Amino acid sequence: MTKHKIYTMSVAKVYPHYIVKAEKKRRTKSEVDEIIRWLTGYSQEEFEVQLENQTDFETFFAEAPQLNPARALIKGVICGIRVEEIEEPIMQEIRYLDKLIDELAKGKTMEKILRKG
């Protein structure tokens, strides 16, 4: 079985697209970074090292310091698939991130995006 292409793609390659998507809707790079830190447990410095190292998505999530338990509260459809029904763990983590960036671009408050209330 071959790995999905996204698994071997570097986070650094996709990250600028997250920022552009957010900024088009008057959101910020710092909000994108906050979402990524919330989801993965990386500090800002650790996250920047992952970007510099061109870490692929599979490694990025496998080595995440502390995947946020509240990510299980992320529900909805991304790329036509319900994120809560994705069975492949790494793909689900990637889609959780996609969903959070979508929510940011759709104008949700950071409090709601980070499942604080």
PDB file of N, CA and C in Angstrom:
ATOM      1  N   MET A   1       0.848  -1.191   0.000  1.00  0.00           N
ATOM      2  CA  MET A   1       0.000   0.000   0.000  1.00  0.00           C
ATOM      3  C   MET A   1       0.889   1.248   0.000  1.00  0.00           C
ATOM      4  N   THR A   2       0.653   2.155  -0.927  1.00  0.00           N
ATOM      5  CA  THR A   2       1.458   3.366  -0.976  1.00  0.00           C
ATOM      6  C   THR A   2       0.838   4.434  -0.083  1.00  0.00           C
ATOM      7  N   LYS A   3       1.707   5.261   0.452  1.00  0.00           N
ATOM      8  CA  LYS A   3       1.258   6.340   1.326  1.00  0.00           C
ATOM      9  C   LYS A   3       0.603   7.434   0.496  1.00  0.00           C
ATOM     10  N   HIS A   4      -0.367   8.076   1.105  1.00  0.00           N
ATOM     11  CA  HIS A   4      -0.994   9.224   0.467  1.00  0.00           C
ATOM     12  C   HIS A   4       0.062  10.308   0.296  1.00  0.00           C
ATOM     13  N   LYS A   5       0.002  11.024  -0.798  1.00  0.00           N
ATOM     14  CA  LYS A   5       1.002  12.043  -1.129  1.00  0.00           C
ATOM     15  C   LYS A   5       1.178  13.083  -0.015  1.00  0.00           C
ATOM     16  N   ILE A   6       0.098  13.447   0.650  1.00  0.00           N
ATOM     17  CA  ILE A   6       0.181  14.480   1.700  1.00  0.00           C
ATOM     18  C   ILE A   6       1.096  14.038   2.846  1.00  0.00           C
ATOM     19  N   TYR A   7       1.187  12.737   3.107  1.00  0.00           N
ATOM     20  CA  TYR A   7       2.019  12.251   4.212  1.00  0.00           C
ATOM     21  C   TYR A   7       3.486  12.622   4.034  1.00  0.00           C
ATOM     22  N   THR A   8       3.936  12.598   2.784  1.00  0.00           N
ATOM     23  CA  THR A   8       5.347  12.843   2.507  1.00  0.00           C
ATOM     24  C   THR A   8       5.623  14.299   2.128  1.00  0.00           C
ATOM     25  N   MET A   9       4.575  15.101   2.070  1.00  0.00           N
ATOM     26  CA  MET A   9       4.736  16.514   1.743  1.00  0.00           C
ATOM     27  C   MET A   9       5.201  17.268   2.989  1.00  0.00           C
ATOM     28  N   SER A  10       6.081  18.234   2.796  1.00  0.00           N
ATOM     29  CA  SER A  10       6.568  18.976   3.956  1.00  0.00           C
ATOM     30  C   SER A  10       5.516  19.973   4.424  1.00  0.00           C
ATOM     31  N   VAL A  11       5.424  20.104   5.730  1.00  0.00           N
ATOM     32  CA  VAL A  11       4.511  21.071   6.331  1.00  0.00           C
ATOM     33  C   VAL A  11       4.868  22.470   5.827  1.00  0.00           C
ATOM     34  N   ALA A  12       6.168  22.729   5.687  1.00  0.00           N
ATOM     35  CA  ALA A  12       6.634  24.045   5.224  1.00  0.00           C
ATOM     36  C   ALA A  12       6.109  24.390   3.829  1.00  0.00           C
ATOM     37  N   LYS A  13       5.822  23.391   3.032  1.00  0.00           N
ATOM     38  CA  LYS A  13       5.314  23.629   1.678  1.00  0.00           C
ATOM     39  C   LYS A  13       3.835  24.048   1.707  1.00  0.00           C
ATOM     40  N   VAL A  14       3.084  23.520   2.654  1.00  0.00           N
ATOM     41  CA  VAL A  14       1.647  23.794   2.740  1.00  0.00           C
ATOM     42  C   VAL A  14       1.351  25.009   3.625  1.00  0.00           C
ATOM     43  N   TYR A  15       2.194  25.217   4.620  1.00  0.00           N
ATOM     44  CA  TYR A  15       2.003  26.286   5.602  1.00  0.00           C
ATOM     45  C   TYR A  15       1.717  27.659   4.971  1.00  0.00           C
ATOM     46  N   PRO A  16       2.460  28.092   3.946  1.00  0.00           N
ATOM     47  CA  PRO A  16       2.148  29.405   3.347  1.00  0.00           C
ATOM     48  C   PRO A  16       0.720  29.487   2.793  1.00  0.00           C
ATOM     49  N   HIS A  17       0.185  28.364   2.356  1.00  0.00           N
ATOM     50  CA  HIS A  17      -1.195  28.331   1.842  1.00  0.00           C
ATOM     51  C   HIS A  17      -2.194  28.551   2.974  1.00  0.00           C
ATOM     52  N   TYR A  18      -1.892  28.001   4.152  1.00  0.00           N
ATOM     53  CA  TYR A  18      -2.746  28.247   5.324  1.00  0.00           C
ATOM     54  C   TYR A  18      -2.776  29.739   5.640  1.00  0.00           C
ATOM     55  N   ILE A  19      -1.605  30.366   5.592  1.00  0.00           N
ATOM     56  CA  ILE A  19      -1.504  31.793   5.915  1.00  0.00           C
ATOM     57  C   ILE A  19      -2.266  32.633   4.891  1.00  0.00           C
ATOM     58  N   VAL A  20      -2.077  32.329   3.607  1.00  0.00           N
ATOM     59  CA  VAL A  20      -2.782  33.068   2.552  1.00  0.00           C
ATOM     60  C   VAL A  20      -4.294  32.929   2.734  1.00  0.00           C
ATOM     61  N   LYS A  21      -4.740  31.715   2.997  1.00  0.00           N
ATOM     62  CA  LYS A  21      -6.176  31.472   3.187  1.00  0.00           C
ATOM     63  C   LYS A  21      -6.709  32.317   4.348  1.00  0.00           C
ATOM     64  N   ALA A  22      -5.954  32.370   5.437  1.00  0.00           N
ATOM     65  CA  ALA A  22      -6.361  33.154   6.612  1.00  0.00           C
ATOM     66  C   ALA A  22      -6.339  34.653   6.298  1.00  0.00           C
ATOM     67  N   GLU A  23      -5.255  35.112   5.688  1.00  0.00           N
ATOM     68  CA  GLU A  23      -5.087  36.548   5.444  1.00  0.00           C
ATOM     69  C   GLU A  23      -6.110  37.093   4.445  1.00  0.00           C
ATOM     70  N   LYS A  24      -6.557  36.249   3.518  1.00  0.00           N
ATOM     71  CA  LYS A  24      -7.596  36.670   2.570  1.00  0.00           C
ATOM     72  C   LYS A  24      -8.872  37.046   3.312  1.00  0.00           C
ATOM     73  N   LYS A  25      -9.043  36.455   4.486  1.00  0.00           N
ATOM     74  CA  LYS A  25     -10.249  36.710   5.287  1.00  0.00           C
ATOM     75  C   LYS A  25      -9.935  37.587   6.508  1.00  0.00           C
ATOM     76  N   ARG A  26      -8.857  38.366   6.388  1.00  0.00           N
ATOM     77  CA  ARG A  26      -8.446  39.314   7.432  1.00  0.00           C
ATOM     78  C   ARG A  26      -8.077  38.648   8.759  1.00  0.00           C
ATOM     79  N   ARG A  27      -7.552  37.440   8.658  1.00  0.00           N
ATOM     80  CA  ARG A  27      -7.005  36.762   9.835  1.00  0.00           C
ATOM     81  C   ARG A  27      -5.488  36.818   9.728  1.00  0.00           C
ATOM     82  N   THR A  28      -4.780  36.300  10.741  1.00  0.00           N
ATOM     83  CA  THR A  28      -3.337  36.530  10.790  1.00  0.00           C
ATOM     84  C   THR A  28      -2.520  35.243  10.844  1.00  0.00           C
ATOM     85  N   LYS A  29      -1.239  35.396  10.486  1.00  0.00           N
ATOM     86  CA  LYS A  29      -0.278  34.302  10.609  1.00  0.00           C
ATOM     87  C   LYS A  29      -0.193  33.854  12.062  1.00  0.00           C
ATOM     88  N   SER A  30      -0.236  34.798  12.997  1.00  0.00           N
ATOM     89  CA  SER A  30      -0.132  34.414  14.413  1.00  0.00           C
ATOM     90  C   SER A  30      -1.324  33.556  14.845  1.00  0.00           C
ATOM     91  N   GLU A  31      -2.497  33.787  14.259  1.00  0.00           N
ATOM     92  CA  GLU A  31      -3.650  32.936  14.566  1.00  0.00           C
ATOM     93  C   GLU A  31      -3.457  31.535  13.983  1.00  0.00           C
ATOM     94  N   VAL A  32      -2.915  31.455  12.778  1.00  0.00           N
ATOM     95  CA  VAL A  32      -2.609  30.148  12.173  1.00  0.00           C
ATOM     96  C   VAL A  32      -1.622  29.403  13.075  1.00  0.00           C
ATOM     97  N   ASP A  33      -0.572  30.108  13.508  1.00  0.00           N
ATOM     98  CA  ASP A  33       0.435  29.485  14.380  1.00  0.00           C
ATOM     99  C   ASP A  33      -0.178  29.016  15.697  1.00  0.00           C
ATOM    100  N   GLU A  34      -1.062  29.837  16.252  1.00  0.00           N
ATOM    101  CA  GLU A  34      -1.714  29.467  17.519  1.00  0.00           C
ATOM    102  C   GLU A  34      -2.534  28.191  17.353  1.00  0.00           C
ATOM    103  N   ILE A  35      -3.246  28.083  16.246  1.00  0.00           N
ATOM    104  CA  ILE A  35      -4.034  26.877  15.959  1.00  0.00           C
ATOM    105  C   ILE A  35      -3.113  25.654  15.885  1.00  0.00           C
ATOM    106  N   ILE A  36      -2.009  25.788  15.169  1.00  0.00           N
ATOM    107  CA  ILE A  36      -1.076  24.664  15.018  1.00  0.00           C
ATOM    108  C   ILE A  36      -0.481  24.275  16.368  1.00  0.00           C
ATOM    109  N   ARG A  37      -0.102  25.264  17.167  1.00  0.00           N
ATOM    110  CA  ARG A  37       0.450  24.967  18.500  1.00  0.00           C
ATOM    111  C   ARG A  37      -0.600  24.303  19.386  1.00  0.00           C
ATOM    112  N   TRP A  38      -1.842  24.786  19.323  1.00  0.00           N
ATOM    113  CA  TRP A  38      -2.920  24.209  20.124  1.00  0.00           C
ATOM    114  C   TRP A  38      -3.142  22.740  19.744  1.00  0.00           C
ATOM    115  N   LEU A  39      -3.158  22.465  18.450  1.00  0.00           N
ATOM    116  CA  LEU A  39      -3.434  21.111  17.966  1.00  0.00           C
ATOM    117  C   LEU A  39      -2.311  20.136  18.299  1.00  0.00           C
ATOM    118  N   THR A  40      -1.061  20.583  18.183  1.00  0.00           N
ATOM    119  CA  THR A  40       0.083  19.663  18.243  1.00  0.00           C
ATOM    120  C   THR A  40       0.900  19.692  19.533  1.00  0.00           C
ATOM    121  N   GLY A  41       0.832  20.802  20.261  1.00  0.00           N
ATOM    122  CA  GLY A  41       1.656  20.935  21.459  1.00  0.00           C
ATOM    123  C   GLY A  41       3.058  21.446  21.192  1.00  0.00           C
ATOM    124  N   TYR A  42       3.380  21.716  19.932  1.00  0.00           N
ATOM    125  CA  TYR A  42       4.686  22.306  19.631  1.00  0.00           C
ATOM    126  C   TYR A  42       4.734  23.726  20.189  1.00  0.00           C
ATOM    127  N   SER A  43       5.893  24.156  20.691  1.00  0.00           N
ATOM    128  CA  SER A  43       6.099  25.565  21.007  1.00  0.00           C
ATOM    129  C   SER A  43       6.320  26.281  19.670  1.00  0.00           C
ATOM    130  N   GLN A  44       6.297  27.602  19.687  1.00  0.00           N
ATOM    131  CA  GLN A  44       6.541  28.339  18.442  1.00  0.00           C
ATOM    132  C   GLN A  44       7.930  28.009  17.902  1.00  0.00           C
ATOM    133  N   GLU A  45       8.911  27.924  18.788  1.00  0.00           N
ATOM    134  CA  GLU A  45      10.282  27.627  18.371  1.00  0.00           C
ATOM    135  C   GLU A  45      10.375  26.220  17.778  1.00  0.00           C
ATOM    136  N   GLU A  46       9.741  25.249  18.441  1.00  0.00           N
ATOM    137  CA  GLU A  46       9.752  23.867  17.925  1.00  0.00           C
ATOM    138  C   GLU A  46       9.062  23.791  16.563  1.00  0.00           C
ATOM    139  N   PHE A  47       7.960  24.521  16.426  1.00  0.00           N
ATOM    140  CA  PHE A  47       7.241  24.536  15.158  1.00  0.00           C
ATOM    141  C   PHE A  47       8.118  25.114  14.052  1.00  0.00           C
ATOM    142  N   GLU A  48       8.804  26.206  14.341  1.00  0.00           N
ATOM    143  CA  GLU A  48       9.670  26.828  13.341  1.00  0.00           C
ATOM    144  C   GLU A  48      10.820  25.908  12.935  1.00  0.00           C
ATOM    145  N   VAL A  49      11.332  25.117  13.880  1.00  0.00           N
ATOM    146  CA  VAL A  49      12.374  24.128  13.546  1.00  0.00           C
ATOM    147  C   VAL A  49      11.800  23.084  12.580  1.00  0.00           C
ATOM    148  N   GLN A  50      10.567  22.639  12.825  1.00  0.00           N
ATOM    149  CA  GLN A  50       9.926  21.664  11.926  1.00  0.00           C
ATOM    150  C   GLN A  50       9.816  22.242  10.511  1.00  0.00           C
ATOM    151  N   LEU A  51       9.474  23.531  10.424  1.00  0.00           N
ATOM    152  CA  LEU A  51       9.383  24.177   9.111  1.00  0.00           C
ATOM    153  C   LEU A  51      10.760  24.232   8.453  1.00  0.00           C
ATOM    154  N   GLU A  52      11.771  24.660   9.211  1.00  0.00           N
ATOM    155  CA  GLU A  52      13.138  24.745   8.670  1.00  0.00           C
ATOM    156  C   GLU A  52      13.638  23.388   8.185  1.00  0.00           C
ATOM    157  N   ASN A  53      13.290  22.339   8.920  1.00  0.00           N
ATOM    158  CA  ASN A  53      13.751  20.990   8.590  1.00  0.00           C
ATOM    159  C   ASN A  53      12.944  20.344   7.461  1.00  0.00           C
ATOM    160  N   GLN A  54      11.934  21.058   6.961  1.00  0.00           N
ATOM    161  CA  GLN A  54      11.081  20.524   5.882  1.00  0.00           C
ATOM    162  C   GLN A  54      10.438  19.189   6.302  1.00  0.00           C
ATOM    163  N   THR A  55      10.043  19.112   7.569  1.00  0.00           N
ATOM    164  CA  THR A  55       9.438  17.896   8.112  1.00  0.00           C
ATOM    165  C   THR A  55       8.150  17.561   7.359  1.00  0.00           C
ATOM    166  N   ASP A  56       7.991  16.282   7.020  1.00  0.00           N
ATOM    167  CA  ASP A  56       6.757  15.875   6.329  1.00  0.00           C
ATOM    168  C   ASP A  56       5.614  15.744   7.340  1.00  0.00           C
ATOM    169  N   PHE A  57       4.385  15.737   6.814  1.00  0.00           N
ATOM    170  CA  PHE A  57       3.206  15.710   7.685  1.00  0.00           C
ATOM    171  C   PHE A  57       3.177  14.483   8.589  1.00  0.00           C
ATOM    172  N   GLU A  58       3.556  13.328   8.055  1.00  0.00           N
ATOM    173  CA  GLU A  58       3.510  12.111   8.860  1.00  0.00           C
ATOM    174  C   GLU A  58       4.427  12.244  10.081  1.00  0.00           C
ATOM    175  N   THR A  59       5.647  12.698   9.875  1.00  0.00           N
ATOM    176  CA  THR A  59       6.603  12.872  10.966  1.00  0.00           C
ATOM    177  C   THR A  59       6.153  13.996  11.897  1.00  0.00           C
ATOM    178  N   PHE A  60       5.656  15.087  11.318  1.00  0.00           N
ATOM    179  CA  PHE A  60       5.210  16.241  12.088  1.00  0.00           C
ATOM    180  C   PHE A  60       4.186  15.832  13.144  1.00  0.00           C
ATOM    181  N   PHE A  61       3.193  15.045  12.736  1.00  0.00           N
ATOM    182  CA  PHE A  61       2.169  14.618  13.702  1.00  0.00           C
ATOM    183  C   PHE A  61       2.654  13.478  14.584  1.00  0.00           C
ATOM    184  N   ALA A  62       3.460  12.588  14.052  1.00  0.00           N
ATOM    185  CA  ALA A  62       3.989  11.471  14.855  1.00  0.00           C
ATOM    186  C   ALA A  62       4.879  11.982  15.991  1.00  0.00           C
ATOM    187  N   GLU A  63       5.598  13.077  15.754  1.00  0.00           N
ATOM    188  CA  GLU A  63       6.512  13.626  16.754  1.00  0.00           C
ATOM    189  C   GLU A  63       5.922  14.786  17.547  1.00  0.00           C
ATOM    190  N   ALA A  64       4.661  15.086  17.321  1.00  0.00           N
ATOM    191  CA  ALA A  64       4.031  16.207  18.039  1.00  0.00           C
ATOM    192  C   ALA A  64       4.134  15.971  19.545  1.00  0.00           C
ATOM    193  N   PRO A  65       4.571  16.998  20.276  1.00  0.00           N
ATOM    194  CA  PRO A  65       4.777  16.831  21.718  1.00  0.00           C
ATOM    195  C   PRO A  65       3.524  16.410  22.482  1.00  0.00           C
ATOM    196  N   GLN A  66       2.368  16.990  22.131  1.00  0.00           N
ATOM    197  CA  GLN A  66       1.146  16.687  22.885  1.00  0.00           C
ATOM    198  C   GLN A  66      -0.061  17.014  22.014  1.00  0.00           C
ATOM    199  N   LEU A  67      -0.565  16.009  21.307  1.00  0.00           N
ATOM    200  CA  LEU A  67      -1.773  16.239  20.518  1.00  0.00           C
ATOM    201  C   LEU A  67      -2.903  16.585  21.472  1.00  0.00           C
ATOM    202  N   ASN A  68      -3.590  17.669  21.191  1.00  0.00           N
ATOM    203  CA  ASN A  68      -4.613  18.180  22.104  1.00  0.00           C
ATOM    204  C   ASN A  68      -5.798  17.217  22.189  1.00  0.00           C
ATOM    205  N   PRO A  69      -6.140  16.760  23.401  1.00  0.00           N
ATOM    206  CA  PRO A  69      -7.277  15.838  23.523  1.00  0.00           C
ATOM    207  C   PRO A  69      -8.591  16.464  23.055  1.00  0.00           C
ATOM    208  N   ALA A  70      -8.700  17.789  23.129  1.00  0.00           N
ATOM    209  CA  ALA A  70      -9.924  18.471  22.695  1.00  0.00           C
ATOM    210  C   ALA A  70     -10.112  18.421  21.185  1.00  0.00           C
ATOM    211  N   ARG A  71      -9.110  17.935  20.444  1.00  0.00           N
ATOM    212  CA  ARG A  71      -9.268  17.844  18.983  1.00  0.00           C
ATOM    213  C   ARG A  71     -10.377  16.863  18.618  1.00  0.00           C
ATOM    214  N   ALA A  72     -10.716  15.963  19.525  1.00  0.00           N
ATOM    215  CA  ALA A  72     -11.823  15.029  19.271  1.00  0.00           C
ATOM    216  C   ALA A  72     -13.154  15.775  19.136  1.00  0.00           C
ATOM    217  N   LEU A  73     -13.191  17.027  19.583  1.00  0.00           N
ATOM    218  CA  LEU A  73     -14.408  17.838  19.460  1.00  0.00           C
ATOM    219  C   LEU A  73     -14.542  18.461  18.072  1.00  0.00           C
ATOM    220  N   ILE A  74     -13.515  18.319  17.244  1.00  0.00           N
ATOM    221  CA  ILE A  74     -13.560  18.874  15.890  1.00  0.00           C
ATOM    222  C   ILE A  74     -14.452  17.977  15.037  1.00  0.00           C
ATOM    223  N   LYS A  75     -15.510  18.558  14.521  1.00  0.00           N
ATOM    224  CA  LYS A  75     -16.480  17.812  13.719  1.00  0.00           C
ATOM    225  C   LYS A  75     -16.725  18.566  12.423  1.00  0.00           C
ATOM    226  N   GLY A  76     -17.242  17.873  11.454  1.00  0.00           N
ATOM    227  CA  GLY A  76     -17.622  18.524  10.212  1.00  0.00           C
ATOM    228  C   GLY A  76     -16.968  17.895   8.998  1.00  0.00           C
ATOM    229  N   VAL A  77     -17.234  18.519   7.851  1.00  0.00           N
ATOM    230  CA  VAL A  77     -16.800  17.969   6.572  1.00  0.00           C
ATOM    231  C   VAL A  77     -15.638  18.775   6.025  1.00  0.00           C
ATOM    232  N   ILE A  78     -14.621  18.072   5.577  1.00  0.00           N
ATOM    233  CA  ILE A  78     -13.490  18.692   4.881  1.00  0.00           C
ATOM    234  C   ILE A  78     -13.170  17.799   3.686  1.00  0.00           C
ATOM    235  N   CYS A  79     -13.037  18.385   2.534  1.00  0.00           N
ATOM    236  CA  CYS A  79     -12.796  17.618   1.297  1.00  0.00           C
ATOM    237  C   CYS A  79     -13.856  16.537   1.101  1.00  0.00           C
ATOM    238  N   GLY A  80     -15.090  16.836   1.486  1.00  0.00           N
ATOM    239  CA  GLY A  80     -16.196  15.907   1.289  1.00  0.00           C
ATOM    240  C   GLY A  80     -16.243  14.733   2.251  1.00  0.00           C
ATOM    241  N   ILE A  81     -15.405  14.757   3.285  1.00  0.00           N
ATOM    242  CA  ILE A  81     -15.333  13.646   4.247  1.00  0.00           C
ATOM    243  C   ILE A  81     -15.516  14.198   5.651  1.00  0.00           C
ATOM    244  N   ARG A  82     -16.297  13.485   6.461  1.00  0.00           N
ATOM    245  CA  ARG A  82     -16.479  13.895   7.856  1.00  0.00           C
ATOM    246  C   ARG A  82     -15.189  13.603   8.621  1.00  0.00           C
ATOM    247  N   VAL A  83     -14.587  14.625   9.237  1.00  0.00           N
ATOM    248  CA  VAL A  83     -13.299  14.443   9.907  1.00  0.00           C
ATOM    249  C   VAL A  83     -13.376  13.446  11.051  1.00  0.00           C
ATOM    250  N   GLU A  84     -14.514  13.413  11.723  1.00  0.00           N
ATOM    251  CA  GLU A  84     -14.639  12.503  12.862  1.00  0.00           C
ATOM    252  C   GLU A  84     -14.748  11.034  12.449  1.00  0.00           C
ATOM    253  N   GLU A  85     -14.955  10.776  11.146  1.00  0.00           N
ATOM    254  CA  GLU A  85     -15.090   9.396  10.660  1.00  0.00           C
ATOM    255  C   GLU A  85     -13.841   8.881   9.943  1.00  0.00           C
ATOM    256  N   ILE A  86     -12.810   9.701   9.843  1.00  0.00           N
ATOM    257  CA  ILE A  86     -11.572   9.275   9.174  1.00  0.00           C
ATOM    258  C   ILE A  86     -10.872   8.251  10.068  1.00  0.00           C
ATOM    259  N   GLU A  87     -10.580   7.089   9.512  1.00  0.00           N
ATOM    260  CA  GLU A  87     -10.009   6.011  10.321  1.00  0.00           C
ATOM    261  C   GLU A  87      -8.491   6.042  10.394  1.00  0.00           C
ATOM    262  N   GLU A  88      -7.828   6.529   9.363  1.00  0.00           N
ATOM    263  CA  GLU A  88      -6.363   6.590   9.346  1.00  0.00           C
ATOM    264  C   GLU A  88      -5.907   7.734  10.256  1.00  0.00           C
ATOM    265  N   PRO A  89      -5.188   7.434  11.345  1.00  0.00           N
ATOM    266  CA  PRO A  89      -4.859   8.465  12.347  1.00  0.00           C
ATOM    267  C   PRO A  89      -4.117   9.697  11.809  1.00  0.00           C
ATOM    268  N   ILE A  90      -3.097   9.501  10.992  1.00  0.00           N
ATOM    269  CA  ILE A  90      -2.350  10.660  10.497  1.00  0.00           C
ATOM    270  C   ILE A  90      -3.220  11.502   9.564  1.00  0.00           C
ATOM    271  N   MET A  91      -3.988  10.849   8.706  1.00  0.00           N
ATOM    272  CA  MET A  91      -4.884  11.587   7.814  1.00  0.00           C
ATOM    273  C   MET A  91      -5.904  12.384   8.632  1.00  0.00           C
ATOM    274  N   GLN A  92      -6.391  11.795   9.699  1.00  0.00           N
ATOM    275  CA  GLN A  92      -7.350  12.510  10.544  1.00  0.00           C
ATOM    276  C   GLN A  92      -6.703  13.758  11.158  1.00  0.00           C
ATOM    277  N   GLU A  93      -5.461  13.648  11.607  1.00  0.00           N
ATOM    278  CA  GLU A  93      -4.766  14.809  12.177  1.00  0.00           C
ATOM    279  C   GLU A  93      -4.609  15.906  11.124  1.00  0.00           C
ATOM    280  N   ILE A  94      -4.233  15.519   9.917  1.00  0.00           N
ATOM    281  CA  ILE A  94      -4.075  16.497   8.832  1.00  0.00           C
ATOM    282  C   ILE A  94      -5.406  17.181   8.553  1.00  0.00           C
ATOM    283  N   ARG A  95      -6.466  16.416   8.507  1.00  0.00           N
ATOM    284  CA  ARG A  95      -7.795  16.985   8.222  1.00  0.00           C
ATOM    285  C   ARG A  95      -8.313  17.825   9.381  1.00  0.00           C
ATOM    286  N   TYR A  96      -7.962  17.453  10.623  1.00  0.00           N
ATOM    287  CA  TYR A  96      -8.299  18.320  11.757  1.00  0.00           C
ATOM    288  C   TYR A  96      -7.686  19.702  11.535  1.00  0.00           C
ATOM    289  N   LEU A  97      -6.416  19.727  11.156  1.00  0.00           N
ATOM    290  CA  LEU A  97      -5.733  20.996  10.913  1.00  0.00           C
ATOM    291  C   LEU A  97      -6.417  21.754   9.778  1.00  0.00           C
ATOM    292  N   ASP A  98      -6.733  21.066   8.687  1.00  0.00           N
ATOM    293  CA  ASP A  98      -7.435  21.706   7.566  1.00  0.00           C
ATOM    294  C   ASP A  98      -8.751  22.322   8.038  1.00  0.00           C
ATOM    295  N   LYS A  99      -9.486  21.583   8.847  1.00  0.00           N
ATOM    296  CA  LYS A  99     -10.790  22.043   9.331  1.00  0.00           C
ATOM    297  C   LYS A  99     -10.631  23.290  10.202  1.00  0.00           C
ATOM    298  N   LEU A 100      -9.619  23.297  11.069  1.00  0.00           N
ATOM    299  CA  LEU A 100      -9.403  24.460  11.931  1.00  0.00           C
ATOM    300  C   LEU A 100      -9.039  25.698  11.109  1.00  0.00           C
ATOM    301  N   ILE A 101      -8.216  25.525  10.086  1.00  0.00           N
ATOM    302  CA  ILE A 101      -7.849  26.645   9.218  1.00  0.00           C
ATOM    303  C   ILE A 101      -9.087  27.132   8.452  1.00  0.00           C
ATOM    304  N   ASP A 102      -9.933  26.214   8.020  1.00  0.00           N
ATOM    305  CA  ASP A 102     -11.196  26.594   7.365  1.00  0.00           C
ATOM    306  C   ASP A 102     -12.058  27.424   8.308  1.00  0.00           C
ATOM    307  N   GLU A 103     -12.159  26.988   9.553  1.00  0.00           N
ATOM    308  CA  GLU A 103     -12.977  27.714  10.532  1.00  0.00           C
ATOM    309  C   GLU A 103     -12.426  29.131  10.737  1.00  0.00           C
ATOM    310  N   LEU A 104     -11.105  29.249  10.776  1.00  0.00           N
ATOM    311  CA  LEU A 104     -10.476  30.562  10.908  1.00  0.00           C
ATOM    312  C   LEU A 104     -10.865  31.441   9.724  1.00  0.00           C
ATOM    313  N   ALA A 105     -10.744  30.889   8.522  1.00  0.00           N
ATOM    314  CA  ALA A 105     -11.058  31.642   7.310  1.00  0.00           C
ATOM    315  C   ALA A 105     -12.543  31.989   7.212  1.00  0.00           C
ATOM    316  N   LYS A 106     -13.383  31.204   7.879  1.00  0.00           N
ATOM    317  CA  LYS A 106     -14.825  31.473   7.842  1.00  0.00           C
ATOM    318  C   LYS A 106     -15.247  32.463   8.928  1.00  0.00           C
ATOM    319  N   GLY A 107     -14.266  32.959   9.692  1.00  0.00           N
ATOM    320  CA  GLY A 107     -14.576  34.012  10.652  1.00  0.00           C
ATOM    321  C   GLY A 107     -14.934  33.564  12.058  1.00  0.00           C
ATOM    322  N   LYS A 108     -14.798  32.295  12.361  1.00  0.00           N
ATOM    323  CA  LYS A 108     -15.074  31.845  13.730  1.00  0.00           C
ATOM    324  C   LYS A 108     -14.092  32.500  14.695  1.00  0.00           C
ATOM    325  N   THR A 109     -14.528  32.684  15.917  1.00  0.00           N
ATOM    326  CA  THR A 109     -13.643  33.253  16.926  1.00  0.00           C
ATOM    327  C   THR A 109     -12.594  32.217  17.322  1.00  0.00           C
ATOM    328  N   MET A 110     -11.452  32.695  17.764  1.00  0.00           N
ATOM    329  CA  MET A 110     -10.390  31.781  18.208  1.00  0.00           C
ATOM    330  C   MET A 110     -10.890  30.914  19.359  1.00  0.00           C
ATOM    331  N   GLU A 111     -11.706  31.470  20.228  1.00  0.00           N
ATOM    332  CA  GLU A 111     -12.237  30.701  21.351  1.00  0.00           C
ATOM    333  C   GLU A 111     -13.018  29.476  20.863  1.00  0.00           C
ATOM    334  N   LYS A 112     -13.833  29.671  19.830  1.00  0.00           N
ATOM    335  CA  LYS A 112     -14.594  28.547  19.272  1.00  0.00           C
ATOM    336  C   LYS A 112     -13.681  27.574  18.526  1.00  0.00           C
ATOM    337  N   ILE A 113     -12.748  28.117  17.752  1.00  0.00           N
ATOM    338  CA  ILE A 113     -11.834  27.260  16.981  1.00  0.00           C
ATOM    339  C   ILE A 113     -11.047  26.367  17.921  1.00  0.00           C
ATOM    340  N   LEU A 114     -10.590  26.936  19.049  1.00  0.00           N
ATOM    341  CA  LEU A 114      -9.779  26.184  20.001  1.00  0.00           C
ATOM    342  C   LEU A 114     -10.625  25.424  21.024  1.00  0.00           C
ATOM    343  N   ARG A 115     -11.920  25.305  20.714  1.00  0.00           N
ATOM    344  CA  ARG A 115     -12.845  24.490  21.514  1.00  0.00           C
ATOM    345  C   ARG A 115     -12.810  24.863  22.994  1.00  0.00           C
ATOM    346  N   LYS A 116     -12.871  26.186  23.263  1.00  0.00           N
ATOM    347  CA  LYS A 116     -12.844  26.660  24.646  1.00  0.00           C
ATOM    348  C   LYS A 116     -14.233  27.002  25.171  1.00  0.00           C
ATOM    349  N   GLY A 117     -15.220  26.904  24.313  1.00  0.00           N
ATOM    350  CA  GLY A 117     -16.527  27.270  24.833  1.00  0.00           C
ATOM    351  C   GLY A 117     -17.636  27.023  23.877  1.00  0.00           C
TER     352      GLY A 117
END
